[in-house]
Amino acid sequence: MKAKTDSTEDGILMAGLSEDDLERVKGLIADCRIVRFDCGHGISLRLSERFL
C-alpha cells in the first residue's frame, strides 16, 4: 500500500517511502503489487472501505 508522497517546502519527505524507495522495494520483492491511495499515512482510517 502506498500513500501519497508529500514533501515540505524544505524538501523533507512526509511519507514512509519516496518514489525511488518504492522502485527499490518492487525490485526486491517477487510478485510485488502496489496499491496507491490518494491520502496521507492514515490509509486505514481515511479510506477504510478501500483498505478493507
N, C-alpha and C. Protein backbone atom coordinates (compact mmCIF):
# COMPACT_ATOMS: atom_id res chain seq x y z
N MET A 1 0.85 -1.16 0.00
CA MET A 1 0.00 0.00 0.00
C MET A 1 0.90 1.23 0.00
N LYS A 2 0.58 2.17 -0.84
CA LYS A 2 1.40 3.39 -0.94
C LYS A 2 0.50 4.60 -0.84
N ALA A 3 0.73 5.38 0.20
CA ALA A 3 0.02 6.65 0.36
C ALA A 3 0.70 7.71 -0.51
N LYS A 4 0.07 8.85 -0.59
CA LYS A 4 0.61 9.95 -1.37
C LYS A 4 1.97 10.37 -0.82
N THR A 5 2.90 10.66 -1.71
CA THR A 5 4.24 11.10 -1.31
C THR A 5 4.25 12.62 -1.31
N ASP A 6 4.36 13.20 -0.14
CA ASP A 6 4.43 14.65 0.01
C ASP A 6 5.75 15.05 0.63
N SER A 7 6.19 16.25 0.30
CA SER A 7 7.40 16.83 0.90
C SER A 7 7.08 18.25 1.34
N THR A 8 7.78 18.71 2.36
CA THR A 8 7.61 20.09 2.80
C THR A 8 8.35 21.01 1.83
N GLU A 9 8.16 22.29 1.99
CA GLU A 9 8.85 23.26 1.14
C GLU A 9 10.37 23.14 1.29
N ASP A 10 10.81 22.64 2.45
CA ASP A 10 12.25 22.45 2.71
C ASP A 10 12.77 21.14 2.14
N GLY A 11 11.89 20.35 1.51
CA GLY A 11 12.31 19.08 0.92
C GLY A 11 12.29 17.90 1.87
N ILE A 12 11.65 18.06 3.03
CA ILE A 12 11.57 16.95 3.98
C ILE A 12 10.44 16.02 3.55
N LEU A 13 10.77 14.74 3.41
CA LEU A 13 9.80 13.74 2.99
C LEU A 13 8.77 13.52 4.09
N MET A 14 7.50 13.65 3.74
CA MET A 14 6.40 13.45 4.69
C MET A 14 5.65 12.16 4.32
N ALA A 15 6.40 11.11 4.12
CA ALA A 15 5.84 9.81 3.74
C ALA A 15 6.80 8.73 4.20
N GLY A 16 6.34 7.50 4.20
CA GLY A 16 7.19 6.39 4.59
C GLY A 16 8.24 6.06 3.56
N LEU A 17 7.88 6.22 2.29
CA LEU A 17 8.79 5.88 1.20
C LEU A 17 8.73 6.95 0.12
N SER A 18 9.87 7.25 -0.46
CA SER A 18 9.87 8.10 -1.64
C SER A 18 9.53 7.23 -2.84
N GLU A 19 9.31 7.82 -3.98
CA GLU A 19 9.04 7.04 -5.19
C GLU A 19 10.27 6.21 -5.57
N ASP A 20 11.48 6.73 -5.34
CA ASP A 20 12.70 5.97 -5.60
C ASP A 20 12.79 4.76 -4.67
N ASP A 21 12.45 4.96 -3.39
CA ASP A 21 12.44 3.84 -2.44
C ASP A 21 11.46 2.77 -2.88
N LEU A 22 10.31 3.20 -3.35
CA LEU A 22 9.28 2.25 -3.80
C LEU A 22 9.79 1.41 -4.96
N GLU A 23 10.51 2.02 -5.88
CA GLU A 23 11.06 1.27 -7.01
C GLU A 23 12.06 0.21 -6.52
N ARG A 24 12.86 0.56 -5.50
CA ARG A 24 13.80 -0.42 -4.93
C ARG A 24 13.06 -1.58 -4.29
N VAL A 25 12.00 -1.28 -3.54
CA VAL A 25 11.20 -2.32 -2.91
C VAL A 25 10.61 -3.26 -3.96
N LYS A 26 10.05 -2.69 -5.02
CA LYS A 26 9.46 -3.51 -6.08
C LYS A 26 10.50 -4.44 -6.70
N GLY A 27 11.75 -4.01 -6.78
CA GLY A 27 12.80 -4.84 -7.33
C GLY A 27 13.27 -5.94 -6.40
N LEU A 28 12.98 -5.81 -5.11
CA LEU A 28 13.44 -6.78 -4.12
C LEU A 28 12.39 -7.83 -3.75
N ILE A 29 11.13 -7.54 -4.02
CA ILE A 29 10.06 -8.46 -3.63
C ILE A 29 9.43 -9.04 -4.89
N ALA A 30 9.53 -10.35 -5.03
CA ALA A 30 8.93 -11.02 -6.19
C ALA A 30 7.41 -10.86 -6.16
N ASP A 31 6.82 -10.66 -7.32
CA ASP A 31 5.36 -10.54 -7.45
C ASP A 31 4.78 -9.43 -6.57
N CYS A 32 5.52 -8.36 -6.42
CA CYS A 32 5.08 -7.23 -5.60
C CYS A 32 3.99 -6.46 -6.36
N ARG A 33 2.91 -6.16 -5.70
CA ARG A 33 1.83 -5.37 -6.29
C ARG A 33 1.62 -4.14 -5.42
N ILE A 34 1.66 -2.98 -6.04
CA ILE A 34 1.50 -1.71 -5.32
C ILE A 34 0.07 -1.22 -5.51
N VAL A 35 -0.58 -0.90 -4.41
CA VAL A 35 -1.91 -0.29 -4.46
C VAL A 35 -1.74 1.11 -3.91
N ARG A 36 -2.05 2.11 -4.73
CA ARG A 36 -1.87 3.51 -4.35
C ARG A 36 -3.16 4.08 -3.77
N PHE A 37 -2.99 4.90 -2.75
CA PHE A 37 -4.11 5.58 -2.10
C PHE A 37 -3.84 7.08 -2.14
N ASP A 38 -4.85 7.86 -2.52
CA ASP A 38 -4.71 9.30 -2.59
C ASP A 38 -5.05 9.91 -1.24
N CYS A 39 -4.17 9.66 -0.27
CA CYS A 39 -4.34 10.20 1.07
C CYS A 39 -3.00 10.15 1.77
N GLY A 40 -2.97 10.61 2.99
CA GLY A 40 -1.76 10.55 3.78
C GLY A 40 -1.57 9.18 4.41
N HIS A 41 -0.76 9.15 5.46
CA HIS A 41 -0.35 7.90 6.09
C HIS A 41 -1.51 7.09 6.67
N GLY A 42 -2.58 7.72 7.10
CA GLY A 42 -3.70 7.03 7.75
C GLY A 42 -4.66 6.37 6.78
N ILE A 43 -4.15 5.52 5.91
CA ILE A 43 -4.97 4.87 4.88
C ILE A 43 -6.15 4.13 5.50
N SER A 44 -5.89 3.35 6.55
CA SER A 44 -6.95 2.53 7.14
C SER A 44 -8.06 3.37 7.77
N LEU A 45 -7.75 4.58 8.18
CA LEU A 45 -8.76 5.46 8.78
C LEU A 45 -9.49 6.30 7.74
N ARG A 46 -8.74 6.87 6.82
CA ARG A 46 -9.32 7.80 5.85
C ARG A 46 -10.07 7.11 4.72
N LEU A 47 -9.57 5.96 4.29
CA LEU A 47 -10.19 5.25 3.17
C LEU A 47 -10.46 3.80 3.59
N SER A 48 -11.21 3.63 4.67
CA SER A 48 -11.36 2.31 5.27
C SER A 48 -12.00 1.29 4.33
N GLU A 49 -12.96 1.69 3.51
CA GLU A 49 -13.60 0.74 2.61
C GLU A 49 -12.60 0.18 1.60
N ARG A 50 -11.79 1.05 1.00
CA ARG A 50 -10.77 0.59 0.06
C ARG A 50 -9.70 -0.22 0.77
N PHE A 51 -9.35 0.18 1.97
CA PHE A 51 -8.33 -0.53 2.75
C PHE A 51 -8.76 -1.97 3.01
N LEU A 52 -10.01 -2.14 3.41
CA LEU A 52 -10.50 -3.49 3.68
C LEU A 52 -10.59 -4.31 2.43
